[in-house]
Amino acid sequence: MLDAKIRPLIDGPLNRVGVALAERGIAAHEVTLFGLFMGLLAAALLAAGLPGALALVPLALGRLADGLDGAVARATEVTDFGGFLDILCDFAFYAAVPLAFALRDDANGAAAAFLLAAFYINGASFLGFAIMAQKRGLETKAQGIKSLYYSAGLLEGTETIAFFVVLCLWPDAFGPLAVIFAILCLFTTVARAALARRVFG
């Protein structure tokens, strides 16, 4: 919901840093993999039972890298594999955080499973919509220049990262927060399915 509003504010600075990284010979896929490493490190810190605030730095660095990889690619060469790797690493990170809370405390198991199921279903709707949109030649730049069609929703990247930050600050509240977020994810899925019915029906 917020991604389209934030993109105009961050695209300029990201693109400038992306050009600088590209000039130093740093490849877009290296930035993508660094972002994944930082995200998994944040998840590992959470899983280990350490104070959630310690995970904020690697989480922030990982999400910064997730924004920069596209900027580096645009400054050098945009490839289909780069887009594939980017979305794969995003989904791996999104899955790692609920898993980390399940490992952190057995009491989080049911809520983490519900959240992972919601992520899985919502991810399927997102990718399915992107495939059908590509098949029909549809394009959008509302969330910036992307390798695949990004359909808007109630919960997007901005809201998910904000949710993860809240979890890091209040890890003991994971259970109820995860259930609420999972329900909102499923609402996003239903809304996207309704949109798909209108667009592709």
Foldseek 3Di string as FASTA:
>chain_A
DCLLVCCVVCVVVLLVVLLVCVVVVDALVNLLVQLLVLLLVLLQCLLVQHQLVVSVVSNVSSVSSLSNSVSNCVNPPDDLVSLVSSVVSVLVSLLSNLVSLCNNDVVSVVLSVLLNVLSVLLVVLQVVVQVVCVVVVHADQSNHDGSTHGDDFPDDDVNSSVLSVVCSNPVVPSRVSSNVVSVRSVVRSVVSVVVCVVPVD
